[in-house]
């Protein structure tokens, strides 16, 4: 870059070398020290969150399985045809789902 007032180079060669070396040092520190440390911290945090939510996911999947079995059983036990069967099915399912205590395994 040129200094417009004097018509000289704005940066001398010494300052260019200093900026270049400083940039290289910063990049090496980032890729060899700071980056890996931040990566490990992020991995630990994500693993902690994974373990925290895996129990909830397991519980939810078990509850869905139990509800599916309940629905299949209620459909077999519902009497009638057409709308009457659907009405009996809903009448059995809603109270059953509200009363069921899904166990956390």
C-alpha atoms as a PDB file:
ATOM      1  CA  UNK A   1       0.000   0.000   0.000  1.00  0.00           C
ATOM      2  CA  UNK A   2       1.302   3.446  -0.776  1.00  0.00           C
ATOM      3  CA  UNK A   3       1.275   6.459   1.500  1.00  0.00           C
ATOM      4  CA  UNK A   4      -0.439   9.069  -0.650  1.00  0.00           C
ATOM      5  CA  UNK A   5       1.179  12.082   1.035  1.00  0.00           C
ATOM      6  CA  UNK A   6       4.757  10.951   0.557  1.00  0.00           C
ATOM      7  CA  UNK A   7       4.440   8.475  -2.310  1.00  0.00           C
ATOM      8  CA  UNK A   8       6.312   5.830  -0.290  1.00  0.00           C
ATOM      9  CA  UNK A   9       5.371   2.300   0.715  1.00  0.00           C
ATOM     10  CA  UNK A  10       3.119   2.386   3.751  1.00  0.00           C
ATOM     11  CA  UNK A  11       4.671  -0.760   5.220  1.00  0.00           C
ATOM     12  CA  UNK A  12       8.380  -1.355   5.291  1.00  0.00           C
ATOM     13  CA  UNK A  13       9.776  -4.854   4.835  1.00  0.00           C
ATOM     14  CA  UNK A  14      10.422  -5.309   8.566  1.00  0.00           C
ATOM     15  CA  UNK A  15       6.767  -4.692   9.501  1.00  0.00           C
ATOM     16  CA  UNK A  16       5.626  -7.045   6.714  1.00  0.00           C
ATOM     17  CA  UNK A  17       7.854  -9.822   8.101  1.00  0.00           C
ATOM     18  CA  UNK A  18       6.563  -9.146  11.625  1.00  0.00           C
ATOM     19  CA  UNK A  19       2.941  -9.405  10.435  1.00  0.00           C
ATOM     20  CA  UNK A  20       3.717 -12.571   8.504  1.00  0.00           C
ATOM     21  CA  UNK A  21       5.432 -14.244  11.480  1.00  0.00           C
ATOM     22  CA  UNK A  22       2.639 -13.107  13.805  1.00  0.00           C
ATOM     23  CA  UNK A  23       0.031 -14.572  11.448  1.00  0.00           C
ATOM     24  CA  UNK A  24       1.880 -17.882  11.258  1.00  0.00           C
ATOM     25  CA  UNK A  25       2.199 -18.049  15.063  1.00  0.00           C
ATOM     26  CA  UNK A  26      -1.519 -17.334  15.487  1.00  0.00           C
ATOM     27  CA  UNK A  27      -2.466 -20.018  12.952  1.00  0.00           C
ATOM     28  CA  UNK A  28      -0.170 -22.604  14.529  1.00  0.00           C
ATOM     29  CA  UNK A  29      -1.550 -21.823  18.004  1.00  0.00           C
ATOM     30  CA  UNK A  30      -5.111 -22.054  16.717  1.00  0.00           C
ATOM     31  CA  UNK A  31      -4.701 -25.346  14.859  1.00  0.00           C
ATOM     32  CA  UNK A  32      -2.358 -27.060  17.332  1.00  0.00           C
ATOM     33  CA  UNK A  33      -3.490 -25.749  20.743  1.00  0.00           C
ATOM     34  CA  UNK A  34      -6.716 -23.755  20.869  1.00  0.00           C
ATOM     35  CA  UNK A  35      -8.637 -25.754  18.233  1.00  0.00           C
ATOM     36  CA  UNK A  36      -8.042 -29.188  19.807  1.00  0.00           C
ATOM     37  CA  UNK A  37      -8.823 -27.888  23.309  1.00  0.00           C
ATOM     38  CA  UNK A  38     -12.093 -26.336  22.140  1.00  0.00           C
ATOM     39  CA  UNK A  39     -12.907 -29.497  20.216  1.00  0.00           C
ATOM     40  CA  UNK A  40     -12.440 -31.661  23.326  1.00  0.00           C
ATOM     41  CA  UNK A  41     -14.562 -29.312  25.436  1.00  0.00           C
ATOM     42  CA  UNK A  42     -17.315 -29.421  22.846  1.00  0.00           C
ATOM     43  CA  UNK A  43     -17.155 -33.239  22.660  1.00  0.00           C
ATOM     44  CA  UNK A  44     -17.428 -33.519  26.452  1.00  0.00           C
ATOM     45  CA  UNK A  45     -20.411 -31.197  26.528  1.00  0.00           C
ATOM     46  CA  UNK A  46     -22.151 -33.061  23.728  1.00  0.00           C
ATOM     47  CA  UNK A  47     -21.513 -36.435  25.375  1.00  0.00           C
ATOM     48  CA  UNK A  48     -22.977 -35.104  28.621  1.00  0.00           C
ATOM     49  CA  UNK A  49     -26.079 -33.916  26.762  1.00  0.00           C
ATOM     50  CA  UNK A  50     -26.320 -37.209  24.907  1.00  0.00           C
ATOM     51  CA  UNK A  51     -26.313 -39.164  28.152  1.00  0.00           C
ATOM     52  CA  UNK A  52     -28.813 -36.757  29.676  1.00  0.00           C
ATOM     53  CA  UNK A  53     -31.335 -37.165  26.874  1.00  0.00           C
ATOM     54  CA  UNK A  54     -30.740 -40.817  26.065  1.00  0.00           C
ATOM     55  CA  UNK A  55     -32.691 -41.850  29.174  1.00  0.00           C
ATOM     56  CA  UNK A  56     -35.645 -39.706  28.079  1.00  0.00           C
ATOM     57  CA  UNK A  57     -35.485 -41.095  24.548  1.00  0.00           C
ATOM     58  CA  UNK A  58     -35.404 -44.654  25.885  1.00  0.00           C
ATOM     59  CA  UNK A  59     -38.409 -43.924  28.147  1.00  0.00           C
ATOM     60  CA  UNK A  60     -40.354 -42.369  25.251  1.00  0.00           C
ATOM     61  CA  UNK A  61     -39.658 -45.282  22.927  1.00  0.00           C
ATOM     62  CA  UNK A  62     -40.835 -47.726  25.597  1.00  0.00           C
ATOM     63  CA  UNK A  63     -43.990 -45.668  26.162  1.00  0.00           C
ATOM     64  CA  UNK A  64     -44.731 -45.633  22.427  1.00  0.00           C
ATOM     65  CA  UNK A  65     -44.311 -49.399  22.302  1.00  0.00           C
ATOM     66  CA  UNK A  66     -46.695 -49.833  25.253  1.00  0.00           C
ATOM     67  CA  UNK A  67     -49.261 -47.525  23.633  1.00  0.00           C
ATOM     68  CA  UNK A  68     -49.026 -49.471  20.373  1.00  0.00           C
ATOM     69  CA  UNK A  69     -49.784 -52.724  22.226  1.00  0.00           C
ATOM     70  CA  UNK A  70     -52.652 -51.031  24.054  1.00  0.00           C
ATOM     71  CA  UNK A  71     -54.107 -49.785  20.759  1.00  0.00           C
ATOM     72  CA  UNK A  72     -53.871 -53.229  19.155  1.00  0.00           C
ATOM     73  CA  UNK A  73     -55.557 -54.846  22.158  1.00  0.00           C
ATOM     74  CA  UNK A  74     -58.325 -52.218  22.254  1.00  0.00           C
ATOM     75  CA  UNK A  75     -59.000 -52.599  18.518  1.00  0.00           C
ATOM     76  CA  UNK A  76     -59.425 -56.370  18.915  1.00  0.00           C
ATOM     77  CA  UNK A  77     -61.771 -55.916  21.896  1.00  0.00           C
ATOM     78  CA  UNK A  78     -63.878 -53.140  20.354  1.00  0.00           C
ATOM     79  CA  UNK A  79     -67.248 -54.550  19.329  1.00  0.00           C
ATOM     80  CA  UNK A  80     -69.370 -53.544  16.378  1.00  0.00           C
ATOM     81  CA  UNK A  81     -68.706 -52.527  12.804  1.00  0.00           C
ATOM     82  CA  UNK A  82     -67.829 -49.207  11.194  1.00  0.00           C
ATOM     83  CA  UNK A  83     -68.513 -46.131  13.295  1.00  0.00           C
ATOM     84  CA  UNK A  84     -69.682 -48.214  16.289  1.00  0.00           C
ATOM     85  CA  UNK A  85     -66.325 -50.061  16.410  1.00  0.00           C
ATOM     86  CA  UNK A  86     -64.387 -46.786  16.167  1.00  0.00           C
ATOM     87  CA  UNK A  87     -66.532 -45.221  18.897  1.00  0.00           C
ATOM     88  CA  UNK A  88     -65.993 -48.207  21.213  1.00  0.00           C
ATOM     89  CA  UNK A  89     -62.269 -48.199  20.403  1.00  0.00           C
ATOM     90  CA  UNK A  90     -61.867 -44.504  21.294  1.00  0.00           C
ATOM     91  CA  UNK A  91     -63.983 -44.979  24.417  1.00  0.00           C
ATOM     92  CA  UNK A  92     -61.610 -47.711  25.607  1.00  0.00           C
ATOM     93  CA  UNK A  93     -58.312 -46.146  24.531  1.00  0.00           C
ATOM     94  CA  UNK A  94     -58.532 -42.606  25.917  1.00  0.00           C
ATOM     95  CA  UNK A  95     -59.194 -43.555  29.561  1.00  0.00           C
ATOM     96  CA  UNK A  96     -56.672 -46.402  29.354  1.00  0.00           C
ATOM     97  CA  UNK A  97     -53.892 -44.124  28.096  1.00  0.00           C
ATOM     98  CA  UNK A  98     -54.678 -41.530  30.756  1.00  0.00           C
ATOM     99  CA  UNK A  99     -54.598 -44.147  33.524  1.00  0.00           C
ATOM    100  CA  UNK A 100     -51.520 -46.102  32.450  1.00  0.00           C
ATOM    101  CA  UNK A 101     -48.383 -45.471  34.487  1.00  0.00           C
ATOM    102  CA  UNK A 102     -45.560 -46.031  32.049  1.00  0.00           C
ATOM    103  CA  UNK A 103     -42.598 -47.442  33.934  1.00  0.00           C
ATOM    104  CA  UNK A 104     -39.160 -45.956  33.440  1.00  0.00           C
ATOM    105  CA  UNK A 105     -36.824 -48.829  32.677  1.00  0.00           C
END
